[in-house]
Amino acid sequence: MNFSNSTTDKTESLKNTESLANQWESINWDKIKNDVNRLQTRIAKATANGDNNKAKRLQYLLTHSFSAKAYSVRKVTSNKGKNTSGVDKRIWSTSASKMKAVLSLTDKHYRAKPLKRVYIAKKGKNKKRPLGIPTMYDRAMQTLYALALEPIAETKADTISFGFRRGRSAKDACEQIFCILARKCSPTWILEGDIKGCFDNINHKWLQSNIPMDKRIMKQFLKSGFIYEGKLFPTKIGSPQGGAISSLYANMTLDGLEKIIQDKYHRNSKGNIENHYRAKTKVNLVRYADDFIITANSREIAEELKGIVTRFLESRGLMLSEEKTLITHIDEGFDFLGWTFRKFKGKLIVKPSKSSIKSLIKKMFYYHTQRRKSKYTIRFDTKVKSSD
């Protein structure tokens, strides 16, 4: 089936800067959002019905529509990173540049530029983690294709996955853990899972074989390389943190773990899920992005679950961190997403973890010292002016 490269009308390709600015400022964003949502809904319905060919055609329609392109450009120019440039040192700060970007977004001859590599401090740790910053154009392209991939990811996602998903948050994950552990008959053993460098080690072949999107565009996203201290380095594995589509790749890589656990511990001989089997082993999974916990009724089952998770991750190029993956009794307590869960005399206590409290105190101290410095600077300036 033949398609044109874009559904954007050629008459929209305006050259005059003032006309471009006027066109951007006159866009009806409610209509744009409704058009994108309508196509995303159709993609989700086609995926749920098992019609993958229809979903693929609708993905093409979405990524080549004016509405999706405009929505993508608006998203990358209105978030926290809008003033952060990539290796080309360009940002889209004016209405004309934003409209010009909308009209120039295309998959025809698309070639992603290398990422700008920076290192940011990890929360509560002395170590730093790598962050790859794409150019504005590449960010817009990633956002555009993420709009088409998100409905499929949401339709096929694990029900107990809460990270980087629309309408879900860390609080929902904590609430799920509370519901599992708060009762007297709740599981007593916890497998605390920590995946070693999840974003940095995802297997590219697995992604290209299992993620339903344009393979050529995906290859550009994954193989763009990065520049650090003036040198170009290739990216052979992983999906760099900082990309608009990286969180979707990570979630879709880890989806399927819930089904493996259900098949092993929750299904009867006929293949149906029964609460009797769930209550017997008390195996429950809660995942937020690459952080997860699995409950169990005994330490032996927790050890067995560790082996199951290890085999699941191996096929995706990932592995558990032996140092940080722990099996803990609920009476000893465990930390998850900045909270400590622990039972004392049969009652579940949930409170902020020590590391999150320390982090908050450091932030408060930093802001307090910065505020005092600014006050002294203002007073000094006023004294100098009065003496003149």
Protein backbone atom coordinates (compact mmCIF):
# COMPACT_ATOMS: atom_id res chain seq x y z
CA MET A 1 0.00 0.00 0.00
CA ASN A 2 1.55 3.30 -1.10
CA PHE A 3 1.55 6.33 1.17
CA SER A 4 2.77 9.86 0.65
CA ASN A 5 5.54 10.97 3.00
CA SER A 6 3.31 13.33 4.97
CA THR A 7 -0.31 14.32 5.42
CA THR A 8 0.81 17.91 6.10
CA ASP A 9 -0.60 20.17 3.38
CA LYS A 10 2.06 21.70 1.11
CA THR A 11 0.30 25.07 1.38
CA GLU A 12 1.29 25.08 5.07
CA SER A 13 5.00 25.35 4.16
CA LEU A 14 5.28 29.08 4.73
CA LYS A 15 8.65 30.82 4.35
CA ASN A 16 8.02 34.21 5.87
CA THR A 17 9.03 34.42 9.55
CA GLU A 18 6.07 36.58 10.52
CA SER A 19 3.64 34.27 8.76
CA LEU A 20 5.19 31.26 10.51
CA ALA A 21 4.82 32.96 13.88
CA ASN A 22 1.19 33.86 13.17
CA GLN A 23 0.43 30.31 12.09
CA TRP A 24 1.90 28.86 15.30
CA GLU A 25 0.03 31.31 17.52
CA SER A 26 -3.27 30.65 15.73
CA ILE A 27 -3.19 26.85 16.23
CA ASN A 28 -6.25 25.48 18.04
CA TRP A 29 -4.53 23.27 20.63
CA ASP A 30 -7.77 21.69 21.87
CA LYS A 31 -8.45 20.42 18.36
CA ILE A 32 -4.83 19.24 17.99
CA LYS A 33 -5.03 17.28 21.25
CA ASN A 34 -8.40 15.74 20.30
CA ASP A 35 -7.07 14.64 16.89
CA VAL A 36 -4.05 12.96 18.50
CA ASN A 37 -6.18 11.29 21.21
CA ARG A 38 -8.65 10.01 18.63
CA LEU A 39 -5.92 8.31 16.59
CA GLN A 40 -4.29 6.91 19.73
CA THR A 41 -7.63 5.43 20.78
CA ARG A 42 -8.01 3.76 17.39
CA ILE A 43 -4.49 2.30 17.69
CA ALA A 44 -5.29 0.95 21.17
CA LYS A 45 -8.57 -0.64 19.97
CA ALA A 46 -6.86 -2.27 16.98
CA THR A 47 -4.13 -3.67 19.28
CA ALA A 48 -6.69 -4.98 21.77
CA ASN A 49 -8.56 -6.73 18.91
CA GLY A 50 -5.33 -8.33 17.66
CA ASP A 51 -5.39 -6.42 14.35
CA ASN A 52 -1.69 -5.55 14.20
CA ASN A 53 -1.76 -4.52 10.53
CA LYS A 54 -4.46 -1.93 11.20
CA ALA A 55 -2.53 -0.66 14.22
CA LYS A 56 0.57 -0.30 12.04
CA ARG A 57 -1.33 1.71 9.41
CA LEU A 58 -2.80 3.97 12.09
CA GLN A 59 0.67 4.49 13.58
CA TYR A 60 1.86 5.66 10.16
CA LEU A 61 -1.13 8.00 9.88
CA LEU A 62 -0.41 9.48 13.31
CA THR A 63 3.34 10.03 12.80
CA HIS A 64 2.67 11.79 9.48
CA SER A 65 -0.20 13.99 10.65
CA PHE A 66 0.10 17.73 11.21
CA SER A 67 -1.61 17.47 14.61
CA ALA A 68 0.88 14.95 16.01
CA LYS A 69 3.85 16.94 14.72
CA ALA A 70 2.55 20.18 16.23
CA TYR A 71 1.78 18.41 19.53
CA SER A 72 5.30 16.93 19.63
CA VAL A 73 7.02 20.26 19.01
CA ARG A 74 4.88 21.95 21.64
CA LYS A 75 5.72 19.22 24.15
CA VAL A 76 9.51 19.51 23.73
CA THR A 77 9.37 23.33 23.81
CA SER A 78 7.28 23.54 27.00
CA ASN A 79 8.92 21.00 29.33
CA LYS A 80 11.82 21.47 31.77
CA GLY A 81 14.44 20.77 29.09
CA LYS A 82 13.19 23.41 26.65
CA ASN A 83 16.28 25.58 27.22
CA THR A 84 18.76 22.69 27.04
CA SER A 85 20.34 22.22 23.62
CA GLY A 86 21.95 19.14 22.10
CA VAL A 87 25.21 18.87 20.18
CA ASP A 88 23.97 21.39 17.57
CA LYS A 89 23.51 24.05 20.31
CA ARG A 90 20.08 25.01 18.96
CA ILE A 91 16.82 25.63 20.81
CA TRP A 92 13.36 26.54 19.53
CA SER A 93 12.47 29.64 21.52
CA THR A 94 10.41 31.67 19.04
CA SER A 95 7.00 30.97 17.52
CA ALA A 96 8.50 31.05 14.03
CA SER A 97 11.19 28.47 14.87
CA LYS A 98 8.56 26.19 16.43
CA MET A 99 6.32 26.38 13.36
CA LYS A 100 9.30 25.81 11.08
CA ALA A 101 10.14 22.70 13.12
CA VAL A 102 6.60 21.36 12.71
CA LEU A 103 6.80 21.71 8.93
CA SER A 104 10.28 20.15 8.77
CA LEU A 105 9.55 17.00 10.84
CA THR A 106 9.71 14.02 8.49
CA ASP A 107 11.00 10.45 8.40
CA LYS A 108 12.32 10.96 4.86
CA HIS A 109 16.14 10.64 4.93
CA TYR A 110 16.01 11.08 8.73
CA ARG A 111 19.35 10.68 10.46
CA ALA A 112 19.66 11.22 14.21
CA LYS A 113 22.52 13.34 15.51
CA PRO A 114 24.76 12.05 18.35
CA LEU A 115 23.66 12.66 21.93
CA LYS A 116 25.36 15.13 24.24
CA ARG A 117 26.64 13.06 27.19
CA VAL A 118 26.46 14.60 30.66
CA TYR A 119 26.67 13.04 34.11
CA ILE A 120 24.21 13.83 36.90
CA ALA A 121 24.36 12.85 40.57
CA LYS A 122 22.23 9.94 41.77
CA LYS A 123 19.79 10.64 44.59
CA GLY A 124 21.37 9.97 47.98
CA LYS A 125 24.56 8.56 46.40
CA ASN A 126 28.04 9.81 45.55
CA LYS A 127 27.93 8.08 42.16
CA LYS A 128 26.86 9.76 38.94
CA ARG A 129 24.72 8.36 36.14
CA PRO A 130 25.06 9.10 32.42
CA LEU A 131 22.41 11.17 30.66
CA GLY A 132 22.13 11.52 26.89
CA ILE A 133 20.65 14.79 25.62
CA PRO A 134 19.33 14.67 22.03
CA THR A 135 18.98 17.71 19.79
CA MET A 136 15.62 19.50 19.74
CA TYR A 137 14.80 17.95 16.35
CA ASP A 138 15.61 14.43 17.56
CA ARG A 139 13.58 15.03 20.75
CA ALA A 140 10.59 16.05 18.64
CA MET A 141 10.98 12.95 16.44
CA GLN A 142 11.20 10.69 19.50
CA THR A 143 8.11 12.34 21.01
CA LEU A 144 6.26 11.94 17.70
CA TYR A 145 6.97 8.20 17.51
CA ALA A 146 6.32 7.80 21.24
CA LEU A 147 2.78 9.12 20.63
CA ALA A 148 2.23 6.25 18.17
CA LEU A 149 3.89 3.62 20.38
CA GLU A 150 2.26 4.58 23.70
CA PRO A 151 -1.25 3.17 22.93
CA ILE A 152 0.27 -0.25 22.11
CA ALA A 153 2.49 -0.16 25.20
CA GLU A 154 -0.48 0.73 27.43
CA THR A 155 -2.69 -1.98 25.92
CA LYS A 156 -0.09 -4.72 26.44
CA ALA A 157 1.41 -3.41 29.71
CA ASP A 158 1.52 -5.38 32.97
CA THR A 159 -1.31 -4.33 35.28
CA ILE A 160 1.10 -3.91 38.20
CA SER A 161 3.45 -1.55 36.33
CA PHE A 162 3.24 2.03 37.64
CA GLY A 163 6.33 3.90 36.35
CA PHE A 164 6.32 6.30 33.38
CA ARG A 165 2.66 5.62 32.60
CA ARG A 166 -0.10 8.15 32.10
CA GLY A 167 -2.42 8.41 35.12
CA ARG A 168 -0.12 6.34 37.37
CA SER A 169 2.46 7.39 39.93
CA ALA A 170 4.79 6.20 42.68
CA LYS A 171 1.97 6.71 45.21
CA ASP A 172 -0.15 4.17 43.33
CA ALA A 173 2.69 1.64 43.59
CA CYS A 174 2.99 2.28 47.35
CA GLU A 175 -0.77 1.89 47.74
CA GLN A 176 -0.61 -1.47 45.92
CA ILE A 177 2.15 -2.65 48.28
CA PHE A 178 0.10 -1.54 51.29
CA CYS A 179 -2.93 -3.53 50.06
CA ILE A 180 -0.75 -6.64 49.66
CA LEU A 181 1.12 -6.44 52.98
CA ALA A 182 -1.30 -4.77 55.44
CA ARG A 183 -3.34 -7.87 56.39
CA LYS A 184 -2.53 -10.43 59.05
CA CYS A 185 -2.44 -13.19 56.42
CA SER A 186 -0.18 -11.18 54.09
CA PRO A 187 3.11 -12.57 52.68
CA THR A 188 6.14 -12.27 54.93
CA TRP A 189 9.10 -12.49 52.52
CA ILE A 190 10.09 -9.81 50.01
CA LEU A 191 12.39 -10.05 46.99
CA GLU A 192 13.80 -6.55 46.42
CA GLY A 193 14.82 -6.43 42.78
CA ASP A 194 17.45 -4.07 41.40
CA ILE A 195 18.32 -4.27 37.69
CA LYS A 196 21.92 -3.37 36.92
CA GLY A 197 22.00 -0.43 34.51
CA CYS A 198 18.57 -1.12 32.99
CA PHE A 199 18.52 1.72 30.45
CA ASP A 200 22.18 1.27 29.51
CA ASN A 201 22.14 -2.48 28.83
CA ILE A 202 18.91 -3.31 26.96
CA ASN A 203 19.69 -5.55 23.98
CA HIS A 204 19.14 -3.73 20.67
CA LYS A 205 18.27 -6.92 18.77
CA TRP A 206 15.54 -7.72 21.29
CA LEU A 207 14.11 -4.21 20.96
CA GLN A 208 14.08 -4.32 17.16
CA SER A 209 12.41 -7.75 17.19
CA ASN A 210 9.72 -6.96 19.78
CA ILE A 211 8.88 -3.23 19.65
CA PRO A 212 6.17 -2.50 17.02
CA MET A 213 7.45 0.66 15.33
CA ASP A 214 9.36 1.74 12.21
CA LYS A 215 12.62 -0.27 12.40
CA ARG A 216 14.68 2.26 10.44
CA ILE A 217 13.65 5.12 12.74
CA MET A 218 14.23 2.96 15.81
CA LYS A 219 17.73 2.14 14.58
CA GLN A 220 18.47 5.86 14.29
CA PHE A 221 17.31 6.42 17.87
CA LEU A 222 19.36 3.52 19.24
CA LYS A 223 22.55 3.80 17.15
CA SER A 224 23.00 7.58 17.18
CA GLY A 225 26.09 7.45 19.44
CA PHE A 226 27.12 10.15 21.89
CA ILE A 227 29.73 12.89 22.18
CA TYR A 228 31.71 13.31 25.39
CA GLU A 229 34.65 15.68 25.82
CA GLY A 230 34.75 16.25 22.06
CA LYS A 231 34.96 12.55 21.15
CA LEU A 232 32.31 10.44 19.37
CA PHE A 233 31.41 7.08 20.93
CA PRO A 234 29.10 4.41 19.41
CA THR A 235 26.04 3.04 21.24
CA LYS A 236 25.97 -0.73 20.83
CA ILE A 237 23.55 -1.52 23.66
CA GLY A 238 20.99 0.32 25.75
CA SER A 239 18.52 3.13 25.34
CA PRO A 240 20.02 6.35 26.72
CA GLN A 241 18.32 8.07 29.66
CA GLY A 242 17.16 11.48 28.58
CA GLY A 243 15.41 10.39 25.38
CA ALA A 244 11.66 11.00 25.09
CA ILE A 245 11.03 7.39 24.03
CA SER A 246 13.53 5.62 26.33
CA SER A 247 11.03 5.13 29.18
CA LEU A 248 8.63 3.39 26.78
CA TYR A 249 11.40 1.06 25.59
CA ALA A 250 12.30 0.20 29.20
CA ASN A 251 8.70 -0.47 30.22
CA MET A 252 7.99 -2.65 27.17
CA THR A 253 11.23 -4.57 27.81
CA LEU A 254 10.14 -5.46 31.35
CA ASP A 255 6.47 -6.14 30.49
CA GLY A 256 5.75 -9.86 30.50
CA LEU A 257 7.27 -10.58 33.91
CA GLU A 258 3.80 -10.55 35.48
CA LYS A 259 2.55 -13.21 33.02
CA ILE A 260 5.51 -15.51 33.75
CA ILE A 261 4.79 -15.28 37.49
CA GLN A 262 1.08 -15.90 36.93
CA ASP A 263 1.78 -18.93 34.75
CA LYS A 264 4.03 -20.40 37.43
CA TYR A 265 2.10 -19.62 40.63
CA HIS A 266 -1.49 -18.49 39.90
CA ARG A 267 -2.89 -20.85 37.23
CA ASN A 268 -4.61 -24.21 37.69
CA SER A 269 -4.22 -27.28 35.48
CA LYS A 270 -6.75 -25.81 33.00
CA GLY A 271 -4.75 -22.61 32.61
CA ASN A 272 -7.14 -20.38 34.54
CA ILE A 273 -6.03 -17.95 37.27
CA GLU A 274 -7.48 -18.92 40.65
CA ASN A 275 -7.33 -17.01 43.92
CA HIS A 276 -6.71 -20.31 45.72
CA TYR A 277 -3.31 -20.68 44.03
CA ARG A 278 -2.50 -17.00 44.59
CA ALA A 279 -3.36 -17.27 48.31
CA LYS A 280 -1.28 -20.43 48.71
CA THR A 281 2.03 -19.00 47.48
CA LYS A 282 1.23 -15.31 48.16
CA VAL A 283 3.35 -14.29 45.18
CA ASN A 284 2.65 -10.69 44.10
CA LEU A 285 4.65 -8.36 41.85
CA VAL A 286 4.76 -4.55 42.04
CA ARG A 287 6.96 -2.67 39.55
CA TYR A 288 7.81 0.99 39.08
CA ALA A 289 9.98 1.35 35.94
CA ASP A 290 13.09 -0.78 36.66
CA ASP A 291 12.47 -1.00 40.44
CA PHE A 292 10.30 -3.87 41.67
CA ILE A 293 9.43 -6.08 44.62
CA ILE A 294 7.96 -9.61 44.63
CA THR A 295 6.29 -11.03 47.73
CA ALA A 296 6.36 -14.70 48.76
CA ASN A 297 5.17 -16.96 51.55
CA SER A 298 8.62 -18.45 52.22
CA ARG A 299 12.28 -17.75 51.62
CA GLU A 300 12.51 -20.80 49.34
CA ILE A 301 9.85 -19.39 46.99
CA ALA A 302 11.62 -16.01 47.04
CA GLU A 303 14.88 -17.71 45.98
CA GLU A 304 13.02 -19.53 43.22
CA LEU A 305 11.51 -16.22 42.04
CA LYS A 306 14.97 -14.70 41.87
CA GLY A 307 16.01 -17.41 39.41
CA ILE A 308 12.87 -16.87 37.29
CA VAL A 309 13.51 -13.12 37.08
CA THR A 310 17.18 -13.69 36.21
CA ARG A 311 16.27 -15.95 33.25
CA PHE A 312 13.60 -13.46 32.11
CA LEU A 313 16.14 -10.61 32.08
CA GLU A 314 18.93 -12.55 30.37
CA SER A 315 17.04 -12.74 27.06
CA ARG A 316 16.77 -8.93 27.11
CA GLY A 317 20.44 -8.33 27.85
CA LEU A 318 19.78 -7.40 31.48
CA MET A 319 20.81 -8.82 34.84
CA LEU A 320 20.08 -8.35 38.54
CA SER A 321 22.58 -6.55 40.76
CA GLU A 322 23.83 -9.16 43.21
CA GLU A 323 24.72 -6.51 45.77
CA LYS A 324 21.37 -4.68 45.76
CA THR A 325 18.96 -7.58 45.11
CA LEU A 326 17.92 -8.73 48.58
CA ILE A 327 15.51 -11.19 50.17
CA THR A 328 14.06 -9.59 53.30
CA HIS A 329 11.54 -10.52 55.99
CA ILE A 330 8.76 -7.97 56.43
CA ASP A 331 9.61 -7.61 60.15
CA GLU A 332 13.06 -6.29 59.15
CA GLY A 333 11.52 -3.91 56.62
CA PHE A 334 12.56 -2.73 53.16
CA ASP A 335 12.84 0.56 51.24
CA PHE A 336 10.93 1.22 48.03
CA LEU A 337 10.50 4.52 46.14
CA GLY A 338 11.64 6.60 49.12
CA TRP A 339 9.43 4.83 51.67
CA THR A 340 10.16 2.22 54.33
CA PHE A 341 7.68 -0.66 54.70
CA ARG A 342 7.98 -2.65 57.93
CA LYS A 343 5.74 -4.69 60.22
CA PHE A 344 5.89 -4.15 63.97
CA LYS A 345 3.78 -6.48 66.16
CA GLY A 346 1.73 -7.48 63.12
CA LYS A 347 0.94 -3.91 62.03
CA LEU A 348 2.33 -2.50 58.78
CA ILE A 349 4.15 0.82 59.25
CA VAL A 350 4.90 3.01 56.24
CA LYS A 351 7.18 6.02 56.72
CA PRO A 352 9.76 8.02 54.71
CA SER A 353 13.06 6.19 54.33
CA LYS A 354 16.23 7.49 56.01
CA SER A 355 17.84 8.23 52.63
CA SER A 356 14.88 10.35 51.46
CA ILE A 357 14.87 12.30 54.75
CA LYS A 358 18.60 13.00 54.40
CA SER A 359 18.06 14.12 50.79
CA LEU A 360 15.27 16.49 51.85
CA ILE A 361 17.40 17.97 54.65
CA LYS A 362 20.27 18.56 52.19
CA LYS A 363 17.91 20.35 49.78
CA MET A 364 16.47 22.53 52.55
CA PHE A 365 19.97 23.42 53.77
CA TYR A 366 21.09 24.27 50.22
CA TYR A 367 18.09 26.51 49.51
CA HIS A 368 18.44 28.18 52.91
CA THR A 369 22.12 29.02 52.34
CA GLN A 370 21.40 30.27 48.80
CA ARG A 371 18.63 32.50 50.12
CA ARG A 372 20.92 33.97 52.81
CA LYS A 373 23.62 34.67 50.21
CA SER A 374 21.12 36.46 47.94
CA LYS A 375 19.93 38.62 50.88
CA TYR A 376 23.48 39.65 51.75
CA THR A 377 24.16 40.49 48.10
CA ILE A 378 21.07 42.72 47.89
CA ARG A 379 22.01 44.55 51.13
CA PHE A 380 25.57 45.10 49.93
CA ASP A 381 24.35 46.50 46.61
CA THR A 382 21.93 48.92 48.30
CA LYS A 383 24.71 50.22 50.59
CA VAL A 384 27.02 50.86 47.65
CA LYS A 385 24.29 52.75 45.77
CA SER A 386 23.44 54.94 48.77
CA SER A 387 27.09 55.93 49.24
CA ASP A 388 27.24 57.11 45.64
